[in-house]
Amino acid sequence: MVGGTSPPTWQQKNTADRRSEWWRRTAWGFERSLSDDNAEAKLGLRVLDTLIESRLATKADSNVAQVIAEHMARDEDNDDEGRHRGGRANRGDPETST
């Protein structure tokens, strides 16, 4: 009887370990995607695309990763707009100077 309970326990641990590794790789991809180095950022995005399609990712995992990516993209757009406005003000542009 004891042998009958081992395989599911091992399988559960194996699945949990693999999903944990999936999240570690996903975090790595997100970190790289924020790099100022375009090649590194592209690599991070390619890794994320691959991981989201992985069988290890549950539907919820993929949804969470998608929400994070969309949030990061919005923040990046807002940062770009702020730098653009700030850059104009710093040059003494009459439209933005007070």
PDB file of N, CA and C in Angstrom:
ATOM      1  N   MET A   1       0.800  -1.210   0.000  1.00  0.00           N
ATOM      2  CA  MET A   1       0.000   0.000   0.000  1.00  0.00           C
ATOM      3  C   MET A   1       0.843   1.274   0.000  1.00  0.00           C
ATOM      4  N   VAL A   2       1.927   1.266   0.719  1.00  0.00           N
ATOM      5  CA  VAL A   2       2.772   2.447   0.785  1.00  0.00           C
ATOM      6  C   VAL A   2       3.281   2.817  -0.596  1.00  0.00           C
ATOM      7  N   GLY A   3       3.661   1.821  -1.392  1.00  0.00           N
ATOM      8  CA  GLY A   3       4.145   2.079  -2.745  1.00  0.00           C
ATOM      9  C   GLY A   3       3.096   2.723  -3.625  1.00  0.00           C
ATOM     10  N   GLY A   4       1.823   2.514  -3.328  1.00  0.00           N
ATOM     11  CA  GLY A   4       0.744   3.085  -4.121  1.00  0.00           C
ATOM     12  C   GLY A   4       0.608   4.586  -3.955  1.00  0.00           C
ATOM     13  N   THR A   5       1.096   5.145  -2.853  1.00  0.00           N
ATOM     14  CA  THR A   5       0.964   6.585  -2.642  1.00  0.00           C
ATOM     15  C   THR A   5       2.191   7.364  -3.122  1.00  0.00           C
ATOM     16  N   SER A   6       3.306   6.702  -3.348  1.00  0.00           N
ATOM     17  CA  SER A   6       4.531   7.397  -3.749  1.00  0.00           C
ATOM     18  C   SER A   6       4.454   8.051  -5.122  1.00  0.00           C
ATOM     19  N   PRO A   7       3.998   7.352  -6.154  1.00  0.00           N
ATOM     20  CA  PRO A   7       4.003   8.001  -7.481  1.00  0.00           C
ATOM     21  C   PRO A   7       3.243   9.328  -7.536  1.00  0.00           C
ATOM     22  N   PRO A   8       2.028   9.424  -6.992  1.00  0.00           N
ATOM     23  CA  PRO A   8       1.369  10.738  -7.059  1.00  0.00           C
ATOM     24  C   PRO A   8       2.139  11.806  -6.281  1.00  0.00           C
ATOM     25  N   THR A   9       2.718  11.455  -5.149  1.00  0.00           N
ATOM     26  CA  THR A   9       3.482  12.422  -4.370  1.00  0.00           C
ATOM     27  C   THR A   9       4.695  12.895  -5.165  1.00  0.00           C
ATOM     28  N   TRP A  10       5.418  11.962  -5.773  1.00  0.00           N
ATOM     29  CA  TRP A  10       6.572  12.331  -6.594  1.00  0.00           C
ATOM     30  C   TRP A  10       6.114  13.188  -7.773  1.00  0.00           C
ATOM     31  N   GLN A  11       5.010  12.800  -8.396  1.00  0.00           N
ATOM     32  CA  GLN A  11       4.509  13.555  -9.544  1.00  0.00           C
ATOM     33  C   GLN A  11       4.108  14.973  -9.138  1.00  0.00           C
ATOM     34  N   GLN A  12       3.471  15.113  -7.980  1.00  0.00           N
ATOM     35  CA  GLN A  12       3.083  16.447  -7.512  1.00  0.00           C
ATOM     36  C   GLN A  12       4.311  17.309  -7.245  1.00  0.00           C
ATOM     37  N   LYS A  13       5.328  16.724  -6.607  1.00  0.00           N
ATOM     38  CA  LYS A  13       6.553  17.465  -6.330  1.00  0.00           C
ATOM     39  C   LYS A  13       7.246  17.856  -7.629  1.00  0.00           C
ATOM     40  N   ASN A  14       7.312  16.936  -8.568  1.00  0.00           N
ATOM     41  CA  ASN A  14       7.938  17.205  -9.851  1.00  0.00           C
ATOM     42  C   ASN A  14       7.217  18.343 -10.579  1.00  0.00           C
ATOM     43  N   THR A  15       5.906  18.297 -10.594  1.00  0.00           N
ATOM     44  CA  THR A  15       5.125  19.360 -11.241  1.00  0.00           C
ATOM     45  C   THR A  15       5.336  20.695 -10.545  1.00  0.00           C
ATOM     46  N   ALA A  16       5.327  20.684  -9.214  1.00  0.00           N
ATOM     47  CA  ALA A  16       5.550  21.925  -8.465  1.00  0.00           C
ATOM     48  C   ALA A  16       6.945  22.482  -8.740  1.00  0.00           C
ATOM     49  N   ASP A  17       7.957  21.623  -8.787  1.00  0.00           N
ATOM     50  CA  ASP A  17       9.318  22.065  -9.077  1.00  0.00           C
ATOM     51  C   ASP A  17       9.423  22.657 -10.478  1.00  0.00           C
ATOM     52  N   ARG A  18       8.774  22.010 -11.439  1.00  0.00           N
ATOM     53  CA  ARG A  18       8.833  22.496 -12.818  1.00  0.00           C
ATOM     54  C   ARG A  18       8.109  23.837 -12.965  1.00  0.00           C
ATOM     55  N   ARG A  19       6.983  23.987 -12.269  1.00  0.00           N
ATOM     56  CA  ARG A  19       6.259  25.263 -12.331  1.00  0.00           C
ATOM     57  C   ARG A  19       7.051  26.363 -11.633  1.00  0.00           C
ATOM     58  N   SER A  20       7.726  26.021 -10.547  1.00  0.00           N
ATOM     59  CA  SER A  20       8.577  26.991  -9.861  1.00  0.00           C
ATOM     60  C   SER A  20       9.688  27.475 -10.798  1.00  0.00           C
ATOM     61  N   GLU A  21      10.265  26.548 -11.519  1.00  0.00           N
ATOM     62  CA  GLU A  21      11.307  26.906 -12.492  1.00  0.00           C
ATOM     63  C   GLU A  21      10.713  27.761 -13.609  1.00  0.00           C
ATOM     64  N   TRP A  22       9.491  27.467 -14.022  1.00  0.00           N
ATOM     65  CA  TRP A  22       8.819  28.268 -15.057  1.00  0.00           C
ATOM     66  C   TRP A  22       8.720  29.718 -14.583  1.00  0.00           C
ATOM     67  N   TRP A  23       8.315  29.920 -13.326  1.00  0.00           N
ATOM     68  CA  TRP A  23       8.191  31.277 -12.806  1.00  0.00           C
ATOM     69  C   TRP A  23       9.548  31.958 -12.684  1.00  0.00           C
ATOM     70  N   ARG A  24      10.594  31.206 -12.304  1.00  0.00           N
ATOM     71  CA  ARG A  24      11.932  31.791 -12.221  1.00  0.00           C
ATOM     72  C   ARG A  24      12.367  32.277 -13.608  1.00  0.00           C
ATOM     73  N   ARG A  25      12.133  31.463 -14.620  1.00  0.00           N
ATOM     74  CA  ARG A  25      12.489  31.851 -15.991  1.00  0.00           C
ATOM     75  C   ARG A  25      11.635  33.017 -16.472  1.00  0.00           C
ATOM     76  N   THR A  26      10.378  33.034 -16.080  1.00  0.00           N
ATOM     77  CA  THR A  26       9.492  34.136 -16.460  1.00  0.00           C
ATOM     78  C   THR A  26       9.981  35.449 -15.849  1.00  0.00           C
ATOM     79  N   ALA A  27      10.371  35.409 -14.588  1.00  0.00           N
ATOM     80  CA  ALA A  27      10.918  36.604 -13.944  1.00  0.00           C
ATOM     81  C   ALA A  27      12.180  37.064 -14.673  1.00  0.00           C
ATOM     82  N   TRP A  28      13.031  36.120 -15.051  1.00  0.00           N
ATOM     83  CA  TRP A  28      14.247  36.454 -15.798  1.00  0.00           C
ATOM     84  C   TRP A  28      13.880  37.148 -17.110  1.00  0.00           C
ATOM     85  N   GLY A  29      12.886  36.613 -17.811  1.00  0.00           N
ATOM     86  CA  GLY A  29      12.452  37.210 -19.077  1.00  0.00           C
ATOM     87  C   GLY A  29      11.926  38.625 -18.892  1.00  0.00           C
ATOM     88  N   PHE A  30      11.127  38.833 -17.845  1.00  0.00           N
ATOM     89  CA  PHE A  30      10.622  40.180 -17.578  1.00  0.00           C
ATOM     90  C   PHE A  30      11.757  41.138 -17.263  1.00  0.00           C
ATOM     91  N   GLU A  31      12.712  40.695 -16.449  1.00  0.00           N
ATOM     92  CA  GLU A  31      13.852  41.561 -16.113  1.00  0.00           C
ATOM     93  C   GLU A  31      14.628  41.942 -17.370  1.00  0.00           C
ATOM     94  N   ARG A  32      14.882  40.984 -18.236  1.00  0.00           N
ATOM     95  CA  ARG A  32      15.627  41.269 -19.469  1.00  0.00           C
ATOM     96  C   ARG A  32      14.826  42.172 -20.391  1.00  0.00           C
ATOM     97  N   SER A  33      13.519  41.994 -20.433  1.00  0.00           N
ATOM     98  CA  SER A  33      12.702  42.796 -21.346  1.00  0.00           C
ATOM     99  C   SER A  33      12.724  44.279 -20.986  1.00  0.00           C
ATOM    100  N   LEU A  34      13.132  44.609 -19.769  1.00  0.00           N
ATOM    101  CA  LEU A  34      13.215  46.008 -19.337  1.00  0.00           C
ATOM    102  C   LEU A  34      14.594  46.620 -19.563  1.00  0.00           C
ATOM    103  N   SER A  35      15.494  45.854 -20.123  1.00  0.00           N
ATOM    104  CA  SER A  35      16.857  46.321 -20.328  1.00  0.00           C
ATOM    105  C   SER A  35      16.911  47.487 -21.311  1.00  0.00           C
ATOM    106  N   ASP A  36      17.877  48.376 -21.099  1.00  0.00           N
ATOM    107  CA  ASP A  36      18.118  49.465 -22.044  1.00  0.00           C
ATOM    108  C   ASP A  36      18.802  48.944 -23.312  1.00  0.00           C
ATOM    109  N   ASP A  37      19.399  47.780 -23.218  1.00  0.00           N
ATOM    110  CA  ASP A  37      20.049  47.135 -24.366  1.00  0.00           C
ATOM    111  C   ASP A  37      18.959  46.453 -25.211  1.00  0.00           C
ATOM    112  N   ASN A  38      18.743  46.933 -26.428  1.00  0.00           N
ATOM    113  CA  ASN A  38      17.666  46.414 -27.275  1.00  0.00           C
ATOM    114  C   ASN A  38      17.775  44.921 -27.522  1.00  0.00           C
ATOM    115  N   ALA A  39      18.980  44.410 -27.733  1.00  0.00           N
ATOM    116  CA  ALA A  39      19.152  42.983 -27.983  1.00  0.00           C
ATOM    117  C   ALA A  39      18.733  42.171 -26.761  1.00  0.00           C
ATOM    118  N   GLU A  40      19.108  42.644 -25.589  1.00  0.00           N
ATOM    119  CA  GLU A  40      18.738  41.941 -24.359  1.00  0.00           C
ATOM    120  C   GLU A  40      17.233  42.023 -24.123  1.00  0.00           C
ATOM    121  N   ALA A  41      16.632  43.170 -24.397  1.00  0.00           N
ATOM    122  CA  ALA A  41      15.188  43.337 -24.229  1.00  0.00           C
ATOM    123  C   ALA A  41      14.427  42.413 -25.182  1.00  0.00           C
ATOM    124  N   LYS A  42      14.893  42.315 -26.429  1.00  0.00           N
ATOM    125  CA  LYS A  42      14.252  41.417 -27.391  1.00  0.00           C
ATOM    126  C   LYS A  42      14.367  39.965 -26.946  1.00  0.00           C
ATOM    127  N   LEU A  43      15.530  39.595 -26.415  1.00  0.00           N
ATOM    128  CA  LEU A  43      15.712  38.238 -25.905  1.00  0.00           C
ATOM    129  C   LEU A  43      14.711  37.963 -24.791  1.00  0.00           C
ATOM    130  N   GLY A  44      14.563  38.895 -23.860  1.00  0.00           N
ATOM    131  CA  GLY A  44      13.604  38.724 -22.773  1.00  0.00           C
ATOM    132  C   GLY A  44      12.189  38.526 -23.281  1.00  0.00           C
ATOM    133  N   LEU A  45      11.798  39.297 -24.275  1.00  0.00           N
ATOM    134  CA  LEU A  45      10.449  39.169 -24.834  1.00  0.00           C
ATOM    135  C   LEU A  45      10.260  37.826 -25.550  1.00  0.00           C
ATOM    136  N   ARG A  46      11.292  37.378 -26.255  1.00  0.00           N
ATOM    137  CA  ARG A  46      11.200  36.074 -26.934  1.00  0.00           C
ATOM    138  C   ARG A  46      11.079  34.935 -25.923  1.00  0.00           C
ATOM    139  N   VAL A  47      11.821  35.044 -24.826  1.00  0.00           N
ATOM    140  CA  VAL A  47      11.729  34.035 -23.766  1.00  0.00           C
ATOM    141  C   VAL A  47      10.315  34.033 -23.189  1.00  0.00           C
ATOM    142  N   LEU A  48       9.770  35.204 -22.935  1.00  0.00           N
ATOM    143  CA  LEU A  48       8.415  35.297 -22.391  1.00  0.00           C
ATOM    144  C   LEU A  48       7.385  34.692 -23.344  1.00  0.00           C
ATOM    145  N   ASP A  49       7.517  34.989 -24.626  1.00  0.00           N
ATOM    146  CA  ASP A  49       6.593  34.407 -25.609  1.00  0.00           C
ATOM    147  C   ASP A  49       6.629  32.889 -25.559  1.00  0.00           C
ATOM    148  N   THR A  50       7.829  32.339 -25.460  1.00  0.00           N
ATOM    149  CA  THR A  50       7.987  30.890 -25.419  1.00  0.00           C
ATOM    150  C   THR A  50       7.402  30.326 -24.129  1.00  0.00           C
ATOM    151  N   LEU A  51       7.688  30.956 -23.005  1.00  0.00           N
ATOM    152  CA  LEU A  51       7.220  30.443 -21.720  1.00  0.00           C
ATOM    153  C   LEU A  51       5.705  30.485 -21.596  1.00  0.00           C
ATOM    154  N   ILE A  52       5.085  31.516 -22.121  1.00  0.00           N
ATOM    155  CA  ILE A  52       3.626  31.622 -22.023  1.00  0.00           C
ATOM    156  C   ILE A  52       2.944  30.491 -22.779  1.00  0.00           C
ATOM    157  N   GLU A  53       3.591  29.992 -23.820  1.00  0.00           N
ATOM    158  CA  GLU A  53       3.043  28.882 -24.599  1.00  0.00           C
ATOM    159  C   GLU A  53       3.391  27.511 -24.013  1.00  0.00           C
ATOM    160  N   SER A  54       4.228  27.487 -22.980  1.00  0.00           N
ATOM    161  CA  SER A  54       4.689  26.233 -22.389  1.00  0.00           C
ATOM    162  C   SER A  54       3.537  25.452 -21.754  1.00  0.00           C
ATOM    163  N   ARG A  55       3.651  24.132 -21.802  1.00  0.00           N
ATOM    164  CA  ARG A  55       2.658  23.280 -21.142  1.00  0.00           C
ATOM    165  C   ARG A  55       2.712  23.423 -19.629  1.00  0.00           C
ATOM    166  N   LEU A  56       3.827  23.909 -19.108  1.00  0.00           N
ATOM    167  CA  LEU A  56       3.947  24.102 -17.661  1.00  0.00           C
ATOM    168  C   LEU A  56       3.119  25.279 -17.171  1.00  0.00           C
ATOM    169  N   ALA A  57       2.833  26.207 -18.061  1.00  0.00           N
ATOM    170  CA  ALA A  57       2.042  27.380 -17.681  1.00  0.00           C
ATOM    171  C   ALA A  57       0.566  27.013 -17.663  1.00  0.00           C
ATOM    172  N   THR A  58      -0.061  27.223 -16.519  1.00  0.00           N
ATOM    173  CA  THR A  58      -1.503  27.041 -16.463  1.00  0.00           C
ATOM    174  C   THR A  58      -2.160  28.247 -17.141  1.00  0.00           C
ATOM    175  N   LYS A  59      -3.430  28.150 -17.355  1.00  0.00           N
ATOM    176  CA  LYS A  59      -4.175  29.283 -17.924  1.00  0.00           C
ATOM    177  C   LYS A  59      -4.013  30.508 -17.022  1.00  0.00           C
ATOM    178  N   ALA A  60      -4.089  30.286 -15.714  1.00  0.00           N
ATOM    179  CA  ALA A  60      -3.928  31.396 -14.763  1.00  0.00           C
ATOM    180  C   ALA A  60      -2.518  31.985 -14.842  1.00  0.00           C
ATOM    181  N   ASP A  61      -1.493  31.134 -14.961  1.00  0.00           N
ATOM    182  CA  ASP A  61      -0.118  31.624 -15.088  1.00  0.00           C
ATOM    183  C   ASP A  61       0.015  32.520 -16.312  1.00  0.00           C
ATOM    184  N   SER A  62      -0.490  32.044 -17.429  1.00  0.00           N
ATOM    185  CA  SER A  62      -0.410  32.819 -18.668  1.00  0.00           C
ATOM    186  C   SER A  62      -1.154  34.147 -18.536  1.00  0.00           C
ATOM    187  N   ASN A  63      -2.307  34.111 -17.883  1.00  0.00           N
ATOM    188  CA  ASN A  63      -3.076  35.344 -17.693  1.00  0.00           C
ATOM    189  C   ASN A  63      -2.325  36.331 -16.809  1.00  0.00           C
ATOM    190  N   VAL A  64      -1.719  35.837 -15.735  1.00  0.00           N
ATOM    191  CA  VAL A  64      -0.956  36.709 -14.840  1.00  0.00           C
ATOM    192  C   VAL A  64       0.221  37.325 -15.592  1.00  0.00           C
ATOM    193  N   ALA A  65       0.949  36.511 -16.344  1.00  0.00           N
ATOM    194  CA  ALA A  65       2.093  37.021 -17.111  1.00  0.00           C
ATOM    195  C   ALA A  65       1.633  38.064 -18.124  1.00  0.00           C
ATOM    196  N   GLN A  66       0.491  37.843 -18.738  1.00  0.00           N
ATOM    197  CA  GLN A  66      -0.049  38.794 -19.709  1.00  0.00           C
ATOM    198  C   GLN A  66      -0.412  40.120 -19.039  1.00  0.00           C
ATOM    199  N   VAL A  67      -1.035  40.060 -17.869  1.00  0.00           N
ATOM    200  CA  VAL A  67      -1.405  41.278 -17.145  1.00  0.00           C
ATOM    201  C   VAL A  67      -0.149  42.064 -16.757  1.00  0.00           C
ATOM    202  N   ILE A  68       0.878  41.358 -16.272  1.00  0.00           N
ATOM    203  CA  ILE A  68       2.127  42.028 -15.902  1.00  0.00           C
ATOM    204  C   ILE A  68       2.745  42.698 -17.130  1.00  0.00           C
ATOM    205  N   ALA A  69       2.778  41.981 -18.253  1.00  0.00           N
ATOM    206  CA  ALA A  69       3.365  42.531 -19.474  1.00  0.00           C
ATOM    207  C   ALA A  69       2.603  43.777 -19.929  1.00  0.00           C
ATOM    208  N   GLU A  70       1.281  43.729 -19.875  1.00  0.00           N
ATOM    209  CA  GLU A  70       0.483  44.887 -20.281  1.00  0.00           C
ATOM    210  C   GLU A  70       0.717  46.063 -19.335  1.00  0.00           C
ATOM    211  N   HIS A  71       0.821  45.786 -18.047  1.00  0.00           N
ATOM    212  CA  HIS A  71       1.077  46.842 -17.068  1.00  0.00           C
ATOM    213  C   HIS A  71       2.446  47.477 -17.318  1.00  0.00           C
ATOM    214  N   MET A  72       3.444  46.642 -17.582  1.00  0.00           N
ATOM    215  CA  MET A  72       4.785  47.144 -17.861  1.00  0.00           C
ATOM    216  C   MET A  72       4.792  48.001 -19.122  1.00  0.00           C
ATOM    217  N   ALA A  73       4.041  47.582 -20.137  1.00  0.00           N
ATOM    218  CA  ALA A  73       3.986  48.343 -21.386  1.00  0.00           C
ATOM    219  C   ALA A  73       3.344  49.710 -21.152  1.00  0.00           C
ATOM    220  N   ARG A  74       2.282  49.747 -20.355  1.00  0.00           N
ATOM    221  CA  ARG A  74       1.638  51.032 -20.037  1.00  0.00           C
ATOM    222  C   ARG A  74       2.591  51.934 -19.268  1.00  0.00           C
ATOM    223  N   ASP A  75       3.294  51.371 -18.290  1.00  0.00           N
ATOM    224  CA  ASP A  75       4.258  52.168 -17.521  1.00  0.00           C
ATOM    225  C   ASP A  75       5.352  52.711 -18.424  1.00  0.00           C
ATOM    226  N   GLU A  76       5.830  51.889 -19.352  1.00  0.00           N
ATOM    227  CA  GLU A  76       6.882  52.314 -20.273  1.00  0.00           C
ATOM    228  C   GLU A  76       6.372  53.451 -21.161  1.00  0.00           C
ATOM    229  N   ASP A  77       5.135  53.344 -21.643  1.00  0.00           N
ATOM    230  CA  ASP A  77       4.548  54.417 -22.453  1.00  0.00           C
ATOM    231  C   ASP A  77       4.446  55.705 -21.645  1.00  0.00           C
ATOM    232  N   ASN A  78       4.019  55.594 -20.384  1.00  0.00           N
ATOM    233  CA  ASN A  78       3.905  56.771 -19.528  1.00  0.00           C
ATOM    234  C   ASN A  78       5.271  57.379 -19.255  1.00  0.00           C
ATOM    235  N   ASP A  79       6.290  56.546 -19.042  1.00  0.00           N
ATOM    236  CA  ASP A  79       7.646  57.047 -18.829  1.00  0.00           C
ATOM    237  C   ASP A  79       8.139  57.797 -20.060  1.00  0.00           C
ATOM    238  N   ASP A  80       7.874  57.251 -21.251  1.00  0.00           N
ATOM    239  CA  ASP A  80       8.296  57.907 -22.484  1.00  0.00           C
ATOM    240  C   ASP A  80       7.632  59.267 -22.630  1.00  0.00           C
ATOM    241  N   GLU A  81       6.339  59.353 -22.314  1.00  0.00           N
ATOM    242  CA  GLU A  81       5.641  60.629 -22.402  1.00  0.00           C
ATOM    243  C   GLU A  81       6.218  61.624 -21.409  1.00  0.00           C
ATOM    244  N   GLY A  82       6.525  61.188 -20.197  1.00  0.00           N
ATOM    245  CA  GLY A  82       7.098  62.071 -19.178  1.00  0.00           C
ATOM    246  C   GLY A  82       8.462  62.572 -19.592  1.00  0.00           C
ATOM    247  N   ARG A  83       9.287  61.704 -20.170  1.00  0.00           N
ATOM    248  CA  ARG A  83      10.607  62.135 -20.626  1.00  0.00           C
ATOM    249  C   ARG A  83      10.468  63.133 -21.759  1.00  0.00           C
ATOM    250  N   HIS A  84       9.488  62.884 -22.645  1.00  0.00           N
ATOM    251  CA  HIS A  84       9.289  63.798 -23.772  1.00  0.00           C
ATOM    252  C   HIS A  84       8.889  65.184 -23.260  1.00  0.00           C
ATOM    253  N   ARG A  85       7.921  65.239 -22.370  1.00  0.00           N
ATOM    254  CA  ARG A  85       7.485  66.534 -21.829  1.00  0.00           C
ATOM    255  C   ARG A  85       8.602  67.194 -21.047  1.00  0.00           C
ATOM    256  N   GLY A  86       9.297  66.400 -20.228  1.00  0.00           N
ATOM    257  CA  GLY A  86      10.398  66.940 -19.428  1.00  0.00           C
ATOM    258  C   GLY A  86      11.506  67.463 -20.307  1.00  0.00           C
ATOM    259  N   GLY A  87      11.779  66.770 -21.374  1.00  0.00           N
ATOM    260  CA  GLY A  87      12.835  67.188 -22.286  1.00  0.00           C
ATOM    261  C   GLY A  87      12.508  68.513 -22.938  1.00  0.00           C
ATOM    262  N   ARG A  88      11.264  68.724 -23.297  1.00  0.00           N
ATOM    263  CA  ARG A  88      10.857  69.997 -23.905  1.00  0.00           C
ATOM    264  C   ARG A  88      10.972  71.120 -22.893  1.00  0.00           C
ATOM    265  N   ALA A  89      10.548  70.859 -21.659  1.00  0.00           N
ATOM    266  CA  ALA A  89      10.610  71.893 -20.620  1.00  0.00           C
ATOM    267  C   ALA A  89      12.048  72.244 -20.307  1.00  0.00           C
ATOM    268  N   ASN A  90      12.913  71.250 -20.304  1.00  0.00           N
ATOM    269  CA  ASN A  90      14.316  71.494 -19.980  1.00  0.00           C
ATOM    270  C   ASN A  90      14.999  72.333 -21.049  1.00  0.00           C
ATOM    271  N   ARG A  91      14.497  72.320 -22.255  1.00  0.00           N
ATOM    272  CA  ARG A  91      15.083  73.118 -23.333  1.00  0.00           C
ATOM    273  C   ARG A  91      14.521  74.532 -23.350  1.00  0.00           C
ATOM    274  N   GLY A  92      13.596  74.817 -22.427  1.00  0.00           N
ATOM    275  CA  GLY A  92      13.011  76.149 -22.398  1.00  0.00           C
ATOM    276  C   GLY A  92      11.962  76.341 -23.467  1.00  0.00           C
ATOM    277  N   ASP A  93      11.336  75.296 -23.926  1.00  0.00           N
ATOM    278  CA  ASP A  93      10.297  75.374 -24.940  1.00  0.00           C
ATOM    279  C   ASP A  93       9.145  76.215 -24.391  1.00  0.00           C
ATOM    280  N   PRO A  94       8.703  77.268 -25.080  1.00  0.00           N
ATOM    281  CA  PRO A  94       7.653  78.140 -24.559  1.00  0.00           C
ATOM    282  C   PRO A  94       6.333  77.414 -24.320  1.00  0.00           C
ATOM    283  N   GLU A  95       6.079  76.319 -25.012  1.00  0.00           N
ATOM    284  CA  GLU A  95       4.820  75.612 -24.819  1.00  0.00           C
ATOM    285  C   GLU A  95       4.761  74.916 -23.458  1.00  0.00           C
ATOM    286  N   THR A  96       5.909  74.567 -22.887  1.00  0.00           N
ATOM    287  CA  THR A  96       5.894  73.822 -21.642  1.00  0.00           C
ATOM    288  C   THR A  96       6.543  74.552 -20.490  1.00  0.00           C
ATOM    289  N   SER A  97       7.202  75.663 -20.745  1.00  0.00           N
ATOM    290  CA  SER A  97       7.855  76.417 -19.669  1.00  0.00           C
ATOM    291  C   SER A  97       6.859  77.281 -18.932  1.00  0.00           C
ATOM    292  N   THR A  98       7.136  77.505 -17.633  1.00  0.00           N
ATOM    293  CA  THR A  98       6.255  78.381 -16.866  1.00  0.00           C
ATOM    294  C   THR A  98       6.956  79.640 -16.482  1.00  0.00           C
TER     295      THR A  98
END
